[in-house]
């Protein structure tokens, strides 16, 4: 059966519980043995079949008891409250790895390693970012409060710039690494203080990362 043709282009902001740099990006085990994270996405342009996704935002909050590849994760999807029923269904499908070639995209991988999908919530998502400046704020009322800033030199306090390229990556091709502090309430509570964060301009489709 043919997959729905979809694509989205925009940018993402992510914050996890690992140390700056995140060992997962280098095929190493997570800093503390488990993985907890949120990822939020702003769509500049996109469509799912005949449904426009332009200007919408969405994200996930997730936790795995060990490394992601060991599975057993719990995930909650958060969709823009402005999304209509068709748009919400489209965003849920992408986040759950549906209508996507298996293991070609981070969402397909996350979904395959998730045992429990909690009910999706629709909320306002206040997301602002300066990707080159490595700063962002993420606010989802009653759920997420996150701030991201540059990694700084421990001695001088001067901001450091760290950019990583993954030419064959299934999430991004290039990302700016940063430092995140966040509190997430609800069924997947998170509490981060100066842990790994990253920004990436993304272009995803049914067939994976578009390069």
C-alpha atoms as a PDB file:
ATOM      1  CA  UNK A   1       0.000   0.000   0.000  1.00  0.00           C
ATOM      2  CA  UNK A   2       1.384   3.392  -1.011  1.00  0.00           C
ATOM      3  CA  UNK A   3       2.378   5.809   1.720  1.00  0.00           C
ATOM      4  CA  UNK A   4       0.808   9.251   2.013  1.00  0.00           C
ATOM      5  CA  UNK A   5       3.086  11.820   0.405  1.00  0.00           C
ATOM      6  CA  UNK A   6       4.072  14.407   3.012  1.00  0.00           C
ATOM      7  CA  UNK A   7       6.851  16.877   3.718  1.00  0.00           C
ATOM      8  CA  UNK A   8       7.681  19.586   6.208  1.00  0.00           C
ATOM      9  CA  UNK A   9      10.405  22.188   6.231  1.00  0.00           C
ATOM     10  CA  UNK A  10      11.297  24.382   9.193  1.00  0.00           C
ATOM     11  CA  UNK A  11      13.355  24.058  12.360  1.00  0.00           C
ATOM     12  CA  UNK A  12      13.474  22.105  15.584  1.00  0.00           C
ATOM     13  CA  UNK A  13      14.647  22.682  19.141  1.00  0.00           C
ATOM     14  CA  UNK A  14      15.541  19.749  21.398  1.00  0.00           C
ATOM     15  CA  UNK A  15      16.689  19.376  25.009  1.00  0.00           C
ATOM     16  CA  UNK A  16      17.620  16.101  26.714  1.00  0.00           C
ATOM     17  CA  UNK A  17      19.110  14.893  29.996  1.00  0.00           C
ATOM     18  CA  UNK A  18      22.571  14.098  28.597  1.00  0.00           C
ATOM     19  CA  UNK A  19      25.691  16.217  29.074  1.00  0.00           C
ATOM     20  CA  UNK A  20      26.449  18.847  26.451  1.00  0.00           C
ATOM     21  CA  UNK A  21      27.101  17.185  23.118  1.00  0.00           C
ATOM     22  CA  UNK A  22      24.883  14.143  23.819  1.00  0.00           C
ATOM     23  CA  UNK A  23      26.772  10.843  23.436  1.00  0.00           C
ATOM     24  CA  UNK A  24      23.880   9.465  21.358  1.00  0.00           C
ATOM     25  CA  UNK A  25      25.002  11.703  18.485  1.00  0.00           C
ATOM     26  CA  UNK A  26      28.290   9.764  18.464  1.00  0.00           C
ATOM     27  CA  UNK A  27      26.925   6.225  18.820  1.00  0.00           C
ATOM     28  CA  UNK A  28      27.671   6.146  22.549  1.00  0.00           C
ATOM     29  CA  UNK A  29      25.414   5.313  25.484  1.00  0.00           C
ATOM     30  CA  UNK A  30      23.511   8.156  27.180  1.00  0.00           C
ATOM     31  CA  UNK A  31      25.243  10.053  29.963  1.00  0.00           C
ATOM     32  CA  UNK A  32      23.060   8.737  32.791  1.00  0.00           C
ATOM     33  CA  UNK A  33      22.020   5.445  31.234  1.00  0.00           C
ATOM     34  CA  UNK A  34      18.502   6.582  30.323  1.00  0.00           C
ATOM     35  CA  UNK A  35      17.070   9.087  27.863  1.00  0.00           C
ATOM     36  CA  UNK A  36      14.596  11.852  28.598  1.00  0.00           C
ATOM     37  CA  UNK A  37      13.876  14.655  26.179  1.00  0.00           C
ATOM     38  CA  UNK A  38      11.525  17.069  24.533  1.00  0.00           C
ATOM     39  CA  UNK A  39      11.617  18.160  20.907  1.00  0.00           C
ATOM     40  CA  UNK A  40       9.517  20.956  19.398  1.00  0.00           C
ATOM     41  CA  UNK A  41       9.192  21.817  15.732  1.00  0.00           C
ATOM     42  CA  UNK A  42       8.127  24.940  13.863  1.00  0.00           C
ATOM     43  CA  UNK A  43       6.891  24.223  10.341  1.00  0.00           C
ATOM     44  CA  UNK A  44       7.546  26.967   7.799  1.00  0.00           C
ATOM     45  CA  UNK A  45       5.990  25.039   4.940  1.00  0.00           C
ATOM     46  CA  UNK A  46       4.524  21.566   4.803  1.00  0.00           C
ATOM     47  CA  UNK A  47       1.707  19.336   3.682  1.00  0.00           C
ATOM     48  CA  UNK A  48       0.362  15.879   4.426  1.00  0.00           C
ATOM     49  CA  UNK A  49      -1.474  14.575   1.414  1.00  0.00           C
ATOM     50  CA  UNK A  50      -3.775  17.482   0.611  1.00  0.00           C
ATOM     51  CA  UNK A  51      -3.605  19.011   4.091  1.00  0.00           C
ATOM     52  CA  UNK A  52      -1.496  22.147   4.553  1.00  0.00           C
ATOM     53  CA  UNK A  53       0.731  22.267   7.651  1.00  0.00           C
ATOM     54  CA  UNK A  54       2.165  25.736   7.011  1.00  0.00           C
ATOM     55  CA  UNK A  55       2.954  27.720  10.145  1.00  0.00           C
ATOM     56  CA  UNK A  56       1.997  25.027  12.652  1.00  0.00           C
ATOM     57  CA  UNK A  57       4.021  23.805  15.615  1.00  0.00           C
ATOM     58  CA  UNK A  58       4.191  20.462  17.363  1.00  0.00           C
ATOM     59  CA  UNK A  59       6.442  18.426  19.558  1.00  0.00           C
ATOM     60  CA  UNK A  60       6.988  15.427  21.776  1.00  0.00           C
ATOM     61  CA  UNK A  61       7.933  14.742  25.364  1.00  0.00           C
ATOM     62  CA  UNK A  62       9.507  11.330  25.853  1.00  0.00           C
ATOM     63  CA  UNK A  63      11.370   9.095  28.275  1.00  0.00           C
ATOM     64  CA  UNK A  64      13.127   5.776  27.846  1.00  0.00           C
ATOM     65  CA  UNK A  65      14.271   3.665  30.833  1.00  0.00           C
ATOM     66  CA  UNK A  66      17.600   2.960  29.135  1.00  0.00           C
ATOM     67  CA  UNK A  67      19.230   3.798  25.794  1.00  0.00           C
ATOM     68  CA  UNK A  68      16.619   4.532  23.130  1.00  0.00           C
ATOM     69  CA  UNK A  69      17.594   1.488  21.079  1.00  0.00           C
ATOM     70  CA  UNK A  70      16.590  -0.747  23.994  1.00  0.00           C
ATOM     71  CA  UNK A  71      12.983   0.393  23.656  1.00  0.00           C
ATOM     72  CA  UNK A  72      10.291   0.613  26.301  1.00  0.00           C
ATOM     73  CA  UNK A  73       9.770   4.345  25.898  1.00  0.00           C
ATOM     74  CA  UNK A  74       6.810   6.519  26.823  1.00  0.00           C
ATOM     75  CA  UNK A  75       5.855   9.442  24.597  1.00  0.00           C
ATOM     76  CA  UNK A  76       3.327  12.239  24.588  1.00  0.00           C
ATOM     77  CA  UNK A  77       2.638  14.257  21.449  1.00  0.00           C
ATOM     78  CA  UNK A  78       1.799  17.944  21.729  1.00  0.00           C
ATOM     79  CA  UNK A  79       0.064  19.618  18.785  1.00  0.00           C
ATOM     80  CA  UNK A  80      -0.625  23.264  18.070  1.00  0.00           C
ATOM     81  CA  UNK A  81      -4.079  24.188  19.359  1.00  0.00           C
ATOM     82  CA  UNK A  82      -4.611  26.060  16.075  1.00  0.00           C
ATOM     83  CA  UNK A  83      -4.516  22.791  14.109  1.00  0.00           C
ATOM     84  CA  UNK A  84      -7.825  21.555  12.754  1.00  0.00           C
ATOM     85  CA  UNK A  85      -8.818  17.886  12.940  1.00  0.00           C
ATOM     86  CA  UNK A  86      -7.087  16.952   9.670  1.00  0.00           C
ATOM     87  CA  UNK A  87      -3.907  18.807  10.607  1.00  0.00           C
ATOM     88  CA  UNK A  88      -3.854  17.247  14.058  1.00  0.00           C
ATOM     89  CA  UNK A  89      -4.208  13.767  12.563  1.00  0.00           C
ATOM     90  CA  UNK A  90      -1.375  14.539  10.150  1.00  0.00           C
ATOM     91  CA  UNK A  91       0.982  15.740  12.894  1.00  0.00           C
ATOM     92  CA  UNK A  92       0.158  12.711  15.033  1.00  0.00           C
ATOM     93  CA  UNK A  93       0.871  10.407  12.097  1.00  0.00           C
ATOM     94  CA  UNK A  94       4.300  11.962  11.499  1.00  0.00           C
ATOM     95  CA  UNK A  95       5.197  11.917  15.198  1.00  0.00           C
ATOM     96  CA  UNK A  96       4.214   8.256  15.463  1.00  0.00           C
ATOM     97  CA  UNK A  97       6.329   7.287  12.466  1.00  0.00           C
ATOM     98  CA  UNK A  98       3.353   6.493  10.272  1.00  0.00           C
ATOM     99  CA  UNK A  99       3.266   7.114   6.510  1.00  0.00           C
ATOM    100  CA  UNK A 100       7.077   7.130   6.598  1.00  0.00           C
ATOM    101  CA  UNK A 101       9.577   4.662   5.208  1.00  0.00           C
ATOM    102  CA  UNK A 102      10.664   2.511   8.175  1.00  0.00           C
ATOM    103  CA  UNK A 103      13.752   3.731  10.063  1.00  0.00           C
ATOM    104  CA  UNK A 104      14.434   6.523   7.547  1.00  0.00           C
ATOM    105  CA  UNK A 105      13.509   9.328   9.955  1.00  0.00           C
ATOM    106  CA  UNK A 106      13.974  10.036  13.660  1.00  0.00           C
ATOM    107  CA  UNK A 107      10.216   9.845  14.245  1.00  0.00           C
ATOM    108  CA  UNK A 108      10.011   6.355  12.800  1.00  0.00           C
ATOM    109  CA  UNK A 109      12.912   5.281  15.040  1.00  0.00           C
ATOM    110  CA  UNK A 110      11.428   6.883  18.161  1.00  0.00           C
ATOM    111  CA  UNK A 111       8.029   5.323  17.476  1.00  0.00           C
ATOM    112  CA  UNK A 112       9.494   1.855  17.013  1.00  0.00           C
ATOM    113  CA  UNK A 113      11.226   2.201  20.385  1.00  0.00           C
ATOM    114  CA  UNK A 114       8.126   3.505  22.204  1.00  0.00           C
ATOM    115  CA  UNK A 115       5.904   1.127  24.149  1.00  0.00           C
ATOM    116  CA  UNK A 116       3.349   3.662  25.401  1.00  0.00           C
ATOM    117  CA  UNK A 117       1.847   6.612  23.561  1.00  0.00           C
ATOM    118  CA  UNK A 118      -0.007   8.829  25.997  1.00  0.00           C
ATOM    119  CA  UNK A 119      -3.058  10.785  24.791  1.00  0.00           C
ATOM    120  CA  UNK A 120      -2.109  13.655  22.492  1.00  0.00           C
ATOM    121  CA  UNK A 121      -2.689  17.128  23.905  1.00  0.00           C
ATOM    122  CA  UNK A 122      -3.540  20.274  21.924  1.00  0.00           C
ATOM    123  CA  UNK A 123      -2.125  23.447  23.453  1.00  0.00           C
ATOM    124  CA  UNK A 124      -0.697  26.814  22.452  1.00  0.00           C
ATOM    125  CA  UNK A 125       3.017  26.397  21.726  1.00  0.00           C
ATOM    126  CA  UNK A 126       5.049  29.563  22.237  1.00  0.00           C
ATOM    127  CA  UNK A 127       8.341  28.860  20.494  1.00  0.00           C
ATOM    128  CA  UNK A 128      10.953  31.491  19.682  1.00  0.00           C
ATOM    129  CA  UNK A 129      14.526  30.893  18.598  1.00  0.00           C
ATOM    130  CA  UNK A 130      17.661  32.499  17.242  1.00  0.00           C
ATOM    131  CA  UNK A 131      19.401  29.482  15.756  1.00  0.00           C
ATOM    132  CA  UNK A 132      22.697  31.204  14.971  1.00  0.00           C
ATOM    133  CA  UNK A 133      22.680  32.835  18.419  1.00  0.00           C
ATOM    134  CA  UNK A 134      21.797  29.491  20.058  1.00  0.00           C
ATOM    135  CA  UNK A 135      18.986  30.960  22.155  1.00  0.00           C
ATOM    136  CA  UNK A 136      15.378  29.851  22.456  1.00  0.00           C
ATOM    137  CA  UNK A 137      12.367  29.802  24.742  1.00  0.00           C
ATOM    138  CA  UNK A 138       9.688  27.127  24.742  1.00  0.00           C
ATOM    139  CA  UNK A 139       6.457  27.641  26.645  1.00  0.00           C
ATOM    140  CA  UNK A 140       3.501  25.274  26.636  1.00  0.00           C
ATOM    141  CA  UNK A 141       1.052  26.372  29.357  1.00  0.00           C
ATOM    142  CA  UNK A 142       0.861  23.935  32.248  1.00  0.00           C
ATOM    143  CA  UNK A 143       3.319  21.585  30.580  1.00  0.00           C
ATOM    144  CA  UNK A 144       6.700  22.903  29.358  1.00  0.00           C
ATOM    145  CA  UNK A 145       8.942  25.794  30.337  1.00  0.00           C
ATOM    146  CA  UNK A 146      12.314  25.656  28.612  1.00  0.00           C
ATOM    147  CA  UNK A 147      15.186  28.027  27.925  1.00  0.00           C
ATOM    148  CA  UNK A 148      18.189  27.388  25.717  1.00  0.00           C
ATOM    149  CA  UNK A 149      21.414  29.363  25.591  1.00  0.00           C
ATOM    150  CA  UNK A 150      24.927  28.947  24.197  1.00  0.00           C
ATOM    151  CA  UNK A 151      27.420  26.575  25.778  1.00  0.00           C
ATOM    152  CA  UNK A 152      29.890  28.696  27.738  1.00  0.00           C
ATOM    153  CA  UNK A 153      33.541  28.328  28.713  1.00  0.00           C
ATOM    154  CA  UNK A 154      33.696  27.293  32.376  1.00  0.00           C
ATOM    155  CA  UNK A 155      36.638  29.629  33.074  1.00  0.00           C
ATOM    156  CA  UNK A 156      35.878  32.738  31.038  1.00  0.00           C
ATOM    157  CA  UNK A 157      32.114  32.496  30.605  1.00  0.00           C
ATOM    158  CA  UNK A 158      32.535  33.228  26.903  1.00  0.00           C
ATOM    159  CA  UNK A 159      30.017  31.571  24.613  1.00  0.00           C
ATOM    160  CA  UNK A 160      31.349  28.641  22.583  1.00  0.00           C
ATOM    161  CA  UNK A 161      29.976  27.634  19.224  1.00  0.00           C
ATOM    162  CA  UNK A 162      29.650  23.926  18.501  1.00  0.00           C
ATOM    163  CA  UNK A 163      28.207  22.748  15.206  1.00  0.00           C
ATOM    164  CA  UNK A 164      27.866  19.073  14.277  1.00  0.00           C
ATOM    165  CA  UNK A 165      27.334  17.611  10.822  1.00  0.00           C
ATOM    166  CA  UNK A 166      25.768  14.198  10.251  1.00  0.00           C
ATOM    167  CA  UNK A 167      25.743  13.711   6.472  1.00  0.00           C
ATOM    168  CA  UNK A 168      23.712  10.507   6.838  1.00  0.00           C
ATOM    169  CA  UNK A 169      21.777  11.463   9.971  1.00  0.00           C
ATOM    170  CA  UNK A 170      18.119  10.461  10.263  1.00  0.00           C
ATOM    171  CA  UNK A 171      17.175  13.618  12.222  1.00  0.00           C
ATOM    172  CA  UNK A 172      19.249  16.436  10.759  1.00  0.00           C
ATOM    173  CA  UNK A 173      22.237  17.065   8.529  1.00  0.00           C
ATOM    174  CA  UNK A 174      23.665  19.877  10.640  1.00  0.00           C
ATOM    175  CA  UNK A 175      22.848  21.183  14.114  1.00  0.00           C
ATOM    176  CA  UNK A 176      23.965  23.924  16.481  1.00  0.00           C
ATOM    177  CA  UNK A 177      24.655  22.499  19.950  1.00  0.00           C
ATOM    178  CA  UNK A 178      23.643  24.471  23.029  1.00  0.00           C
ATOM    179  CA  UNK A 179      22.708  24.274  26.710  1.00  0.00           C
ATOM    180  CA  UNK A 180      19.165  23.767  27.945  1.00  0.00           C
ATOM    181  CA  UNK A 181      17.326  24.261  31.220  1.00  0.00           C
ATOM    182  CA  UNK A 182      13.734  23.118  31.491  1.00  0.00           C
ATOM    183  CA  UNK A 183      10.906  21.886  33.640  1.00  0.00           C
ATOM    184  CA  UNK A 184       8.178  19.689  32.203  1.00  0.00           C
ATOM    185  CA  UNK A 185       5.105  18.824  34.223  1.00  0.00           C
ATOM    186  CA  UNK A 186       2.468  16.196  33.552  1.00  0.00           C
ATOM    187  CA  UNK A 187       2.749  12.456  33.008  1.00  0.00           C
ATOM    188  CA  UNK A 188       6.392  12.655  31.812  1.00  0.00           C
ATOM    189  CA  UNK A 189       8.083  15.057  34.249  1.00  0.00           C
ATOM    190  CA  UNK A 190      11.467  16.427  33.211  1.00  0.00           C
ATOM    191  CA  UNK A 191      13.898  18.647  35.113  1.00  0.00           C
ATOM    192  CA  UNK A 192      17.003  19.769  33.200  1.00  0.00           C
ATOM    193  CA  UNK A 193      19.713  22.203  34.272  1.00  0.00           C
ATOM    194  CA  UNK A 194      22.316  23.071  31.644  1.00  0.00           C
ATOM    195  CA  UNK A 195      22.046  19.815  29.746  1.00  0.00           C
ATOM    196  CA  UNK A 196      22.393  19.041  26.059  1.00  0.00           C
ATOM    197  CA  UNK A 197      20.257  20.993  23.599  1.00  0.00           C
ATOM    198  CA  UNK A 198      20.388  21.519  19.881  1.00  0.00           C
ATOM    199  CA  UNK A 199      18.855  23.507  17.041  1.00  0.00           C
ATOM    200  CA  UNK A 200      18.496  22.223  13.508  1.00  0.00           C
ATOM    201  CA  UNK A 201      16.918  23.415  10.316  1.00  0.00           C
ATOM    202  CA  UNK A 202      14.992  20.412   9.062  1.00  0.00           C
ATOM    203  CA  UNK A 203      13.427  19.147   5.858  1.00  0.00           C
ATOM    204  CA  UNK A 204      11.608  15.847   6.304  1.00  0.00           C
ATOM    205  CA  UNK A 205       9.419  13.761   4.062  1.00  0.00           C
ATOM    206  CA  UNK A 206       7.780  10.372   3.584  1.00  0.00           C
ATOM    207  CA  UNK A 207      11.187   9.095   2.486  1.00  0.00           C
ATOM    208  CA  UNK A 208      13.310  10.556   5.277  1.00  0.00           C
ATOM    209  CA  UNK A 209      15.604  13.574   5.553  1.00  0.00           C
ATOM    210  CA  UNK A 210      15.678  15.684   2.386  1.00  0.00           C
ATOM    211  CA  UNK A 211      19.232  16.850   1.652  1.00  0.00           C
END
